[in-house]
Amino acid sequence: MIPTPPKPRFEPGTRVQATQRVRVGHRVWTTTVTGQVEREGVRPIGGMEMGGKGLYCRQPTIRLRRDDGEIIDVAVDEWTKFEVLTAAV
């Protein structure tokens, strides 16, 4: 059975700050990005060449637009923290 996409957590236009931890070896970096939510969705992980099935291996994402117009897709995992700065208008 193919799982359904997760329900949206934020309305488009909501201003959020996303904080993620990146671990490389014994080091941990914290990255933060702030922007307006454009949409939420899922993207396929892996592919046939990697032995994965694109229909059921998916990762949730949130697309943010920063103040300078840059668009960023944030891959959401269990350690991603979101803080709502302003609600959608």
PDB file of N, CA and C in Angstrom:
ATOM      1  N   MET A   1       0.834  -1.180   0.000  1.00  0.00           N
ATOM      2  CA  MET A   1       0.000   0.000   0.000  1.00  0.00           C
ATOM      3  C   MET A   1       0.882   1.249   0.000  1.00  0.00           C
ATOM      4  N   ILE A   2       0.524   2.216  -0.788  1.00  0.00           N
ATOM      5  CA  ILE A   2       1.281   3.460  -0.877  1.00  0.00           C
ATOM      6  C   ILE A   2       0.755   4.415   0.196  1.00  0.00           C
ATOM      7  N   PRO A   3       1.639   4.911   1.076  1.00  0.00           N
ATOM      8  CA  PRO A   3       1.164   5.820   2.126  1.00  0.00           C
ATOM      9  C   PRO A   3       0.742   7.167   1.559  1.00  0.00           C
ATOM     10  N   THR A   4      -0.194   7.808   2.248  1.00  0.00           N
ATOM     11  CA  THR A   4      -0.647   9.129   1.825  1.00  0.00           C
ATOM     12  C   THR A   4       0.304  10.190   2.375  1.00  0.00           C
ATOM     13  N   PRO A   5       0.394  11.348   1.730  1.00  0.00           N
ATOM     14  CA  PRO A   5       1.263  12.410   2.236  1.00  0.00           C
ATOM     15  C   PRO A   5       0.771  12.898   3.600  1.00  0.00           C
ATOM     16  N   PRO A   6       1.685  13.415   4.424  1.00  0.00           N
ATOM     17  CA  PRO A   6       1.259  13.925   5.725  1.00  0.00           C
ATOM     18  C   PRO A   6       0.381  15.159   5.571  1.00  0.00           C
ATOM     19  N   LYS A   7      -0.474  15.400   6.554  1.00  0.00           N
ATOM     20  CA  LYS A   7      -1.326  16.585   6.530  1.00  0.00           C
ATOM     21  C   LYS A   7      -0.462  17.829   6.725  1.00  0.00           C
ATOM     22  N   PRO A   8      -0.793  18.928   6.038  1.00  0.00           N
ATOM     23  CA  PRO A   8      -0.002  20.163   6.182  1.00  0.00           C
ATOM     24  C   PRO A   8      -0.009  20.668   7.626  1.00  0.00           C
ATOM     25  N   ARG A   9       1.147  21.092   8.082  1.00  0.00           N
ATOM     26  CA  ARG A   9       1.281  21.633   9.435  1.00  0.00           C
ATOM     27  C   ARG A   9       1.119  23.144   9.457  1.00  0.00           C
ATOM     28  N   PHE A  10       1.393  23.804   8.332  1.00  0.00           N
ATOM     29  CA  PHE A  10       1.363  25.264   8.270  1.00  0.00           C
ATOM     30  C   PHE A  10       0.571  25.710   7.053  1.00  0.00           C
ATOM     31  N   GLU A  11      -0.136  26.820   7.203  1.00  0.00           N
ATOM     32  CA  GLU A  11      -0.836  27.439   6.078  1.00  0.00           C
ATOM     33  C   GLU A  11       0.191  28.156   5.202  1.00  0.00           C
ATOM     34  N   PRO A  12      -0.007  28.190   3.880  1.00  0.00           N
ATOM     35  CA  PRO A  12       0.881  28.985   3.037  1.00  0.00           C
ATOM     36  C   PRO A  12       0.847  30.449   3.481  1.00  0.00           C
ATOM     37  N   GLY A  13       2.015  31.069   3.536  1.00  0.00           N
ATOM     38  CA  GLY A  13       2.129  32.447   3.980  1.00  0.00           C
ATOM     39  C   GLY A  13       2.564  32.579   5.430  1.00  0.00           C
ATOM     40  N   THR A  14       2.555  31.468   6.172  1.00  0.00           N
ATOM     41  CA  THR A  14       3.008  31.493   7.563  1.00  0.00           C
ATOM     42  C   THR A  14       4.514  31.683   7.590  1.00  0.00           C
ATOM     43  N   ARG A  15       4.982  32.589   8.424  1.00  0.00           N
ATOM     44  CA  ARG A  15       6.428  32.826   8.553  1.00  0.00           C
ATOM     45  C   ARG A  15       6.960  31.934   9.671  1.00  0.00           C
ATOM     46  N   VAL A  16       7.927  31.075   9.324  1.00  0.00           N
ATOM     47  CA  VAL A  16       8.477  30.127  10.286  1.00  0.00           C
ATOM     48  C   VAL A  16       9.998  30.189  10.303  1.00  0.00           C
ATOM     49  N   GLN A  17      10.553  29.683  11.384  1.00  0.00           N
ATOM     50  CA  GLN A  17      12.000  29.499  11.501  1.00  0.00           C
ATOM     51  C   GLN A  17      12.230  28.004  11.702  1.00  0.00           C
ATOM     52  N   ALA A  18      12.986  27.401  10.789  1.00  0.00           N
ATOM     53  CA  ALA A  18      13.291  25.979  10.857  1.00  0.00           C
ATOM     54  C   ALA A  18      14.715  25.799  11.375  1.00  0.00           C
ATOM     55  N   THR A  19      14.873  24.948  12.374  1.00  0.00           N
ATOM     56  CA  THR A  19      16.186  24.666  12.945  1.00  0.00           C
ATOM     57  C   THR A  19      16.457  23.175  12.821  1.00  0.00           C
ATOM     58  N   GLN A  20      17.611  22.834  12.265  1.00  0.00           N
ATOM     59  CA  GLN A  20      18.004  21.438  12.101  1.00  0.00           C
ATOM     60  C   GLN A  20      19.395  21.216  12.664  1.00  0.00           C
ATOM     61  N   ARG A  21      19.632  20.003  13.100  1.00  0.00           N
ATOM     62  CA  ARG A  21      20.965  19.609  13.560  1.00  0.00           C
ATOM     63  C   ARG A  21      21.587  18.717  12.506  1.00  0.00           C
ATOM     64  N   VAL A  22      22.827  19.023  12.150  1.00  0.00           N
ATOM     65  CA  VAL A  22      23.565  18.236  11.170  1.00  0.00           C
ATOM     66  C   VAL A  22      24.721  17.577  11.907  1.00  0.00           C
ATOM     67  N   ARG A  23      24.770  16.261  11.870  1.00  0.00           N
ATOM     68  CA  ARG A  23      25.818  15.531  12.576  1.00  0.00           C
ATOM     69  C   ARG A  23      26.780  14.934  11.560  1.00  0.00           C
ATOM     70  N   VAL A  24      28.067  15.237  11.739  1.00  0.00           N
ATOM     71  CA  VAL A  24      29.119  14.673  10.903  1.00  0.00           C
ATOM     72  C   VAL A  24      30.198  14.153  11.851  1.00  0.00           C
ATOM     73  N   GLY A  25      30.324  12.841  11.913  1.00  0.00           N
ATOM     74  CA  GLY A  25      31.279  12.259  12.854  1.00  0.00           C
ATOM     75  C   GLY A  25      30.887  12.597  14.277  1.00  0.00           C
ATOM     76  N   HIS A  26      31.822  13.117  15.041  1.00  0.00           N
ATOM     77  CA  HIS A  26      31.529  13.484  16.425  1.00  0.00           C
ATOM     78  C   HIS A  26      31.099  14.939  16.561  1.00  0.00           C
ATOM     79  N   ARG A  27      31.012  15.661  15.456  1.00  0.00           N
ATOM     80  CA  ARG A  27      30.622  17.070  15.488  1.00  0.00           C
ATOM     81  C   ARG A  27      29.146  17.236  15.145  1.00  0.00           C
ATOM     82  N   VAL A  28      28.538  18.278  15.717  1.00  0.00           N
ATOM     83  CA  VAL A  28      27.140  18.603  15.441  1.00  0.00           C
ATOM     84  C   VAL A  28      27.038  20.088  15.147  1.00  0.00           C
ATOM     85  N   TRP A  29      26.436  20.427  13.999  1.00  0.00           N
ATOM     86  CA  TRP A  29      26.189  21.819  13.640  1.00  0.00           C
ATOM     87  C   TRP A  29      24.691  22.069  13.695  1.00  0.00           C
ATOM     88  N   THR A  30      24.337  23.286  14.030  1.00  0.00           N
ATOM     89  CA  THR A  30      22.940  23.699  14.020  1.00  0.00           C
ATOM     90  C   THR A  30      22.756  24.695  12.880  1.00  0.00           C
ATOM     91  N   THR A  31      21.767  24.418  12.029  1.00  0.00           N
ATOM     92  CA  THR A  31      21.460  25.327  10.929  1.00  0.00           C
ATOM     93  C   THR A  31      20.055  25.887  11.133  1.00  0.00           C
ATOM     94  N   THR A  32      19.867  27.133  10.770  1.00  0.00           N
ATOM     95  CA  THR A  32      18.572  27.790  10.919  1.00  0.00           C
ATOM     96  C   THR A  32      18.243  28.532   9.641  1.00  0.00           C
ATOM     97  N   VAL A  33      16.989  28.422   9.209  1.00  0.00           N
ATOM     98  CA  VAL A  33      16.517  29.168   8.045  1.00  0.00           C
ATOM     99  C   VAL A  33      15.141  29.742   8.387  1.00  0.00           C
ATOM    100  N   THR A  34      14.911  30.980   7.941  1.00  0.00           N
ATOM    101  CA  THR A  34      13.646  31.663   8.208  1.00  0.00           C
ATOM    102  C   THR A  34      13.018  32.070   6.886  1.00  0.00           C
ATOM    103  N   GLY A  35      11.708  31.862   6.773  1.00  0.00           N
ATOM    104  CA  GLY A  35      11.015  32.262   5.556  1.00  0.00           C
ATOM    105  C   GLY A  35       9.530  31.998   5.647  1.00  0.00           C
ATOM    106  N   GLN A  36       8.829  32.332   4.558  1.00  0.00           N
ATOM    107  CA  GLN A  36       7.393  32.099   4.467  1.00  0.00           C
ATOM    108  C   GLN A  36       7.139  30.759   3.813  1.00  0.00           C
ATOM    109  N   VAL A  37       6.200  30.020   4.361  1.00  0.00           N
ATOM    110  CA  VAL A  37       5.846  28.713   3.810  1.00  0.00           C
ATOM    111  C   VAL A  37       5.139  28.919   2.480  1.00  0.00           C
ATOM    112  N   GLU A  38       5.645  28.245   1.440  1.00  0.00           N
ATOM    113  CA  GLU A  38       4.965  28.257   0.144  1.00  0.00           C
ATOM    114  C   GLU A  38       4.096  27.018  -0.009  1.00  0.00           C
ATOM    115  N   ARG A  39       4.660  25.871   0.363  1.00  0.00           N
ATOM    116  CA  ARG A  39       3.886  24.627   0.279  1.00  0.00           C
ATOM    117  C   ARG A  39       4.583  23.543   1.074  1.00  0.00           C
ATOM    118  N   GLU A  40       3.841  22.503   1.357  1.00  0.00           N
ATOM    119  CA  GLU A  40       4.393  21.312   1.987  1.00  0.00           C
ATOM    120  C   GLU A  40       4.136  20.144   1.055  1.00  0.00           C
ATOM    121  N   GLY A  41       5.026  19.180   1.074  1.00  0.00           N
ATOM    122  CA  GLY A  41       4.861  18.033   0.208  1.00  0.00           C
ATOM    123  C   GLY A  41       5.809  16.918   0.581  1.00  0.00           C
ATOM    124  N   VAL A  42       5.984  16.000  -0.347  1.00  0.00           N
ATOM    125  CA  VAL A  42       6.912  14.891  -0.166  1.00  0.00           C
ATOM    126  C   VAL A  42       7.761  14.768  -1.416  1.00  0.00           C
ATOM    127  N   ARG A  43       8.953  14.222  -1.263  1.00  0.00           N
ATOM    128  CA  ARG A  43       9.809  13.970  -2.421  1.00  0.00           C
ATOM    129  C   ARG A  43      10.305  12.536  -2.342  1.00  0.00           C
ATOM    130  N   PRO A  44      10.535  11.919  -3.497  1.00  0.00           N
ATOM    131  CA  PRO A  44      11.022  10.544  -3.483  1.00  0.00           C
ATOM    132  C   PRO A  44      12.450  10.471  -2.970  1.00  0.00           C
ATOM    133  N   ILE A  45      12.753   9.381  -2.286  1.00  0.00           N
ATOM    134  CA  ILE A  45      14.097   9.140  -1.769  1.00  0.00           C
ATOM    135  C   ILE A  45      14.671   7.965  -2.538  1.00  0.00           C
ATOM    136  N   GLY A  46      15.926   8.091  -2.951  1.00  0.00           N
ATOM    137  CA  GLY A  46      16.569   6.998  -3.668  1.00  0.00           C
ATOM    138  C   GLY A  46      15.998   6.856  -5.062  1.00  0.00           C
ATOM    139  N   GLY A  47      16.007   5.678  -5.567  1.00  0.00           N
ATOM    140  CA  GLY A  47      15.491   5.407  -6.897  1.00  0.00           C
ATOM    141  C   GLY A  47      15.762   3.960  -7.239  1.00  0.00           C
ATOM    142  N   MET A  48      15.359   3.579  -8.413  1.00  0.00           N
ATOM    143  CA  MET A  48      15.538   2.182  -8.829  1.00  0.00           C
ATOM    144  C   MET A  48      17.015   1.797  -8.870  1.00  0.00           C
ATOM    145  N   GLU A  49      17.875   2.760  -9.271  1.00  0.00           N
ATOM    146  CA  GLU A  49      19.292   2.437  -9.349  1.00  0.00           C
ATOM    147  C   GLU A  49      19.898   2.217  -7.964  1.00  0.00           C
ATOM    148  N   MET A  50      19.237   2.727  -6.910  1.00  0.00           N
ATOM    149  CA  MET A  50      19.719   2.549  -5.547  1.00  0.00           C
ATOM    150  C   MET A  50      18.961   1.438  -4.826  1.00  0.00           C
ATOM    151  N   GLY A  51      18.058   0.770  -5.526  1.00  0.00           N
ATOM    152  CA  GLY A  51      17.310  -0.322  -4.930  1.00  0.00           C
ATOM    153  C   GLY A  51      16.045   0.109  -4.222  1.00  0.00           C
ATOM    154  N   GLY A  52      15.741   1.413  -4.249  1.00  0.00           N
ATOM    155  CA  GLY A  52      14.527   1.897  -3.594  1.00  0.00           C
ATOM    156  C   GLY A  52      13.382   1.986  -4.570  1.00  0.00           C
ATOM    157  N   LYS A  53      12.203   1.997  -4.044  1.00  0.00           N
ATOM    158  CA  LYS A  53      11.007   2.147  -4.859  1.00  0.00           C
ATOM    159  C   LYS A  53      10.491   3.556  -4.667  1.00  0.00           C
ATOM    160  N   GLY A  54      10.458   4.342  -5.726  1.00  0.00           N
ATOM    161  CA  GLY A  54      10.074   5.733  -5.652  1.00  0.00           C
ATOM    162  C   GLY A  54       8.647   5.971  -5.193  1.00  0.00           C
ATOM    163  N   LEU A  55       7.799   4.938  -5.245  1.00  0.00           N
ATOM    164  CA  LEU A  55       6.409   5.137  -4.868  1.00  0.00           C
ATOM    165  C   LEU A  55       6.189   5.126  -3.361  1.00  0.00           C
ATOM    166  N   TYR A  56       7.022   4.426  -2.618  1.00  0.00           N
ATOM    167  CA  TYR A  56       6.754   4.330  -1.187  1.00  0.00           C
ATOM    168  C   TYR A  56       7.863   4.909  -0.315  1.00  0.00           C
ATOM    169  N   CYS A  57       9.025   5.208  -0.872  1.00  0.00           N
ATOM    170  CA  CYS A  57      10.108   5.815  -0.088  1.00  0.00           C
ATOM    171  C   CYS A  57      10.058   7.321  -0.313  1.00  0.00           C
ATOM    172  N   ARG A  58       9.442   8.030   0.624  1.00  0.00           N
ATOM    173  CA  ARG A  58       9.262   9.465   0.459  1.00  0.00           C
ATOM    174  C   ARG A  58       9.662  10.201   1.724  1.00  0.00           C
ATOM    175  N   GLN A  59      10.078  11.451   1.543  1.00  0.00           N
ATOM    176  CA  GLN A  59      10.501  12.290   2.656  1.00  0.00           C
ATOM    177  C   GLN A  59       9.672  13.567   2.650  1.00  0.00           C
ATOM    178  N   PRO A  60       9.085  13.945   3.807  1.00  0.00           N
ATOM    179  CA  PRO A  60       8.325  15.194   3.848  1.00  0.00           C
ATOM    180  C   PRO A  60       9.234  16.412   3.698  1.00  0.00           C
ATOM    181  N   THR A  61       8.742  17.422   2.996  1.00  0.00           N
ATOM    182  CA  THR A  61       9.496  18.660   2.786  1.00  0.00           C
ATOM    183  C   THR A  61       8.584  19.861   2.991  1.00  0.00           C
ATOM    184  N   ILE A  62       9.192  20.993   3.297  1.00  0.00           N
ATOM    185  CA  ILE A  62       8.489  22.270   3.358  1.00  0.00           C
ATOM    186  C   ILE A  62       9.290  23.263   2.522  1.00  0.00           C
ATOM    187  N   ARG A  63       8.607  23.927   1.605  1.00  0.00           N
ATOM    188  CA  ARG A  63       9.269  24.927   0.758  1.00  0.00           C
ATOM    189  C   ARG A  63       9.084  26.300   1.386  1.00  0.00           C
ATOM    190  N   LEU A  64      10.217  26.975   1.642  1.00  0.00           N
ATOM    191  CA  LEU A  64      10.209  28.307   2.240  1.00  0.00           C
ATOM    192  C   LEU A  64      10.757  29.328   1.248  1.00  0.00           C
ATOM    193  N   ARG A  65      10.203  30.534   1.302  1.00  0.00           N
ATOM    194  CA  ARG A  65      10.733  31.651   0.516  1.00  0.00           C
ATOM    195  C   ARG A  65      11.326  32.653   1.504  1.00  0.00           C
ATOM    196  N   ARG A  66      12.637  32.860   1.385  1.00  0.00           N
ATOM    197  CA  ARG A  66      13.319  33.802   2.268  1.00  0.00           C
ATOM    198  C   ARG A  66      13.005  35.236   1.866  1.00  0.00           C
ATOM    199  N   ASP A  67      13.389  36.186   2.715  1.00  0.00           N
ATOM    200  CA  ASP A  67      13.107  37.598   2.455  1.00  0.00           C
ATOM    201  C   ASP A  67      13.767  38.103   1.174  1.00  0.00           C
ATOM    202  N   ASP A  68      14.921  37.511   0.814  1.00  0.00           N
ATOM    203  CA  ASP A  68      15.615  37.951  -0.401  1.00  0.00           C
ATOM    204  C   ASP A  68      15.094  37.253  -1.658  1.00  0.00           C
ATOM    205  N   GLY A  69      14.048  36.413  -1.523  1.00  0.00           N
ATOM    206  CA  GLY A  69      13.445  35.740  -2.666  1.00  0.00           C
ATOM    207  C   GLY A  69      13.963  34.339  -2.913  1.00  0.00           C
ATOM    208  N   GLU A  70      15.005  33.929  -2.212  1.00  0.00           N
ATOM    209  CA  GLU A  70      15.557  32.589  -2.385  1.00  0.00           C
ATOM    210  C   GLU A  70      14.547  31.549  -1.911  1.00  0.00           C
ATOM    211  N   ILE A  71      14.407  30.464  -2.671  1.00  0.00           N
ATOM    212  CA  ILE A  71      13.489  29.384  -2.320  1.00  0.00           C
ATOM    213  C   ILE A  71      14.310  28.219  -1.784  1.00  0.00           C
ATOM    214  N   ILE A  72      13.880  27.699  -0.645  1.00  0.00           N
ATOM    215  CA  ILE A  72      14.598  26.611   0.026  1.00  0.00           C
ATOM    216  C   ILE A  72      13.613  25.495   0.322  1.00  0.00           C
ATOM    217  N   ASP A  73      13.972  24.258  -0.039  1.00  0.00           N
ATOM    218  CA  ASP A  73      13.204  23.084   0.355  1.00  0.00           C
ATOM    219  C   ASP A  73      13.869  22.481   1.579  1.00  0.00           C
ATOM    220  N   VAL A  74      13.147  22.462   2.687  1.00  0.00           N
ATOM    221  CA  VAL A  74      13.668  21.908   3.941  1.00  0.00           C
ATOM    222  C   VAL A  74      13.182  20.474   4.045  1.00  0.00           C
ATOM    223  N   ALA A  75      14.118  19.531   4.133  1.00  0.00           N
ATOM    224  CA  ALA A  75      13.780  18.132   4.349  1.00  0.00           C
ATOM    225  C   ALA A  75      13.460  17.953   5.831  1.00  0.00           C
ATOM    226  N   VAL A  76      12.245  17.537   6.128  1.00  0.00           N
ATOM    227  CA  VAL A  76      11.776  17.439   7.512  1.00  0.00           C
ATOM    228  C   VAL A  76      12.059  16.043   8.047  1.00  0.00           C
ATOM    229  N   ASP A  77      12.740  15.998   9.182  1.00  0.00           N
ATOM    230  CA  ASP A  77      12.955  14.729   9.870  1.00  0.00           C
ATOM    231  C   ASP A  77      12.519  14.882  11.321  1.00  0.00           C
ATOM    232  N   GLU A  78      12.743  13.859  12.128  1.00  0.00           N
ATOM    233  CA  GLU A  78      12.262  13.895  13.508  1.00  0.00           C
ATOM    234  C   GLU A  78      12.994  14.911  14.380  1.00  0.00           C
ATOM    235  N   TRP A  79      14.146  15.438  13.928  1.00  0.00           N
ATOM    236  CA  TRP A  79      14.899  16.413  14.710  1.00  0.00           C
ATOM    237  C   TRP A  79      14.713  17.846  14.219  1.00  0.00           C
ATOM    238  N   THR A  80      13.888  18.053  13.199  1.00  0.00           N
ATOM    239  CA  THR A  80      13.632  19.396  12.690  1.00  0.00           C
ATOM    240  C   THR A  80      12.639  20.095  13.615  1.00  0.00           C
ATOM    241  N   LYS A  81      12.990  21.285  14.051  1.00  0.00           N
ATOM    242  CA  LYS A  81      12.135  22.075  14.933  1.00  0.00           C
ATOM    243  C   LYS A  81      11.643  23.300  14.167  1.00  0.00           C
ATOM    244  N   PHE A  82      10.351  23.598  14.299  1.00  0.00           N
ATOM    245  CA  PHE A  82       9.768  24.771  13.662  1.00  0.00           C
ATOM    246  C   PHE A  82       9.219  25.704  14.723  1.00  0.00           C
ATOM    247  N   GLU A  83       9.447  26.997  14.503  1.00  0.00           N
ATOM    248  CA  GLU A  83       8.896  28.027  15.376  1.00  0.00           C
ATOM    249  C   GLU A  83       8.094  28.984  14.479  1.00  0.00           C
ATOM    250  N   VAL A  84       6.820  29.148  14.786  1.00  0.00           N
ATOM    251  CA  VAL A  84       5.974  30.056  14.016  1.00  0.00           C
ATOM    252  C   VAL A  84       6.264  31.476  14.466  1.00  0.00           C
ATOM    253  N   LEU A  85       6.680  32.326  13.517  1.00  0.00           N
ATOM    254  CA  LEU A  85       6.983  33.721  13.833  1.00  0.00           C
ATOM    255  C   LEU A  85       5.749  34.606  13.624  1.00  0.00           C
ATOM    256  N   THR A  86       5.052  34.428  12.503  1.00  0.00           N
ATOM    257  CA  THR A  86       3.791  35.120  12.257  1.00  0.00           C
ATOM    258  C   THR A  86       2.867  34.181  11.502  1.00  0.00           C
ATOM    259  N   ALA A  87       1.587  34.240  11.810  1.00  0.00           N
ATOM    260  CA  ALA A  87       0.609  33.385  11.154  1.00  0.00           C
ATOM    261  C   ALA A  87       0.310  33.915   9.751  1.00  0.00           C
ATOM    262  N   ALA A  88      -0.284  33.054   8.940  1.00  0.00           N
ATOM    263  CA  ALA A  88      -0.662  33.437   7.568  1.00  0.00           C
ATOM    264  C   ALA A  88      -1.735  34.517   7.614  1.00  0.00           C
ATOM    265  N   VAL A  89      -1.695  35.401   6.634  1.00  0.00           N
ATOM    266  CA  VAL A  89      -2.661  36.502   6.569  1.00  0.00           C
ATOM    267  C   VAL A  89      -3.845  36.082   5.732  1.00  0.00           C
TER     268      VAL A  89
END
